């Protein structure tokens, strides 16, 4: 475990942005109640940005998959009360992805994340590709390593055969209130196969191999589990070469 300050974390993510998934249980030590915890987390994220760091927080809505209009400023996230609190307090930081949006706390993310256009959530030009190309990090608060949706980006890079690109068309309302027709490409699983995704084994393995590092934020006693996305790609690639169903649920892959 490495004890770090907000300033140090900001320095770590200055050139290597980090995506953090959050389980509320991981916030228990940073406040007396949920309002305090969520407020303190919001303070942490904005302080990181003020100190030059770059953090992305998932606030997915899956709007186009549900044939709903995506209103960047007003569509709620489906990822729970932490994400919704952060979204409501940082509306202008939300990206244009109608299915897999993020809040970007940082000044060095590419502007394309905020310009409404056709977009591939896990492909070329995506936020995840940006984090990967900058040798950035994936991380969790509260132990939810099995929630790393960004694994689909790695699966796409490795050309796995049980997912494919599916295009969803819809309407996005941008931050100025304009309605824009566009298309979102989602790297979906093949519904005709018996594949069902599971990262349970991956979670166990990366912990055993110590690929995961733990950063403990001194000011708030907050633990963040971190893995470099490029290192994770190499790890997953080796596992898939030995077992093509490594990321499957069932058939001995729990």
Foldseek 3Di string as FASTA:
>chain_A
DAEDALLVQLVQALLQEEEEEEDVVLQVQQDPDPVRSLVVVLVSLLVSQVSRGKYKYKQFDQQLVVQHEAEQQDRGGPRDDSSRSNCPVQSQQWFQQNGIIIRMSHDPQDPNRQDDAEEECLDPPHSLVVNQVSQHKYKYRPLPPFPPPNVLNLCVVVVQDFWAWDKGWHWYQHPVRDIDIYIYIYGGGHPVDPFDFTCVVVSVVCVVVVQWDWYQHVVRRGIMIMHGPVVSSVVVNVVCVVPVCQGGPDPPND
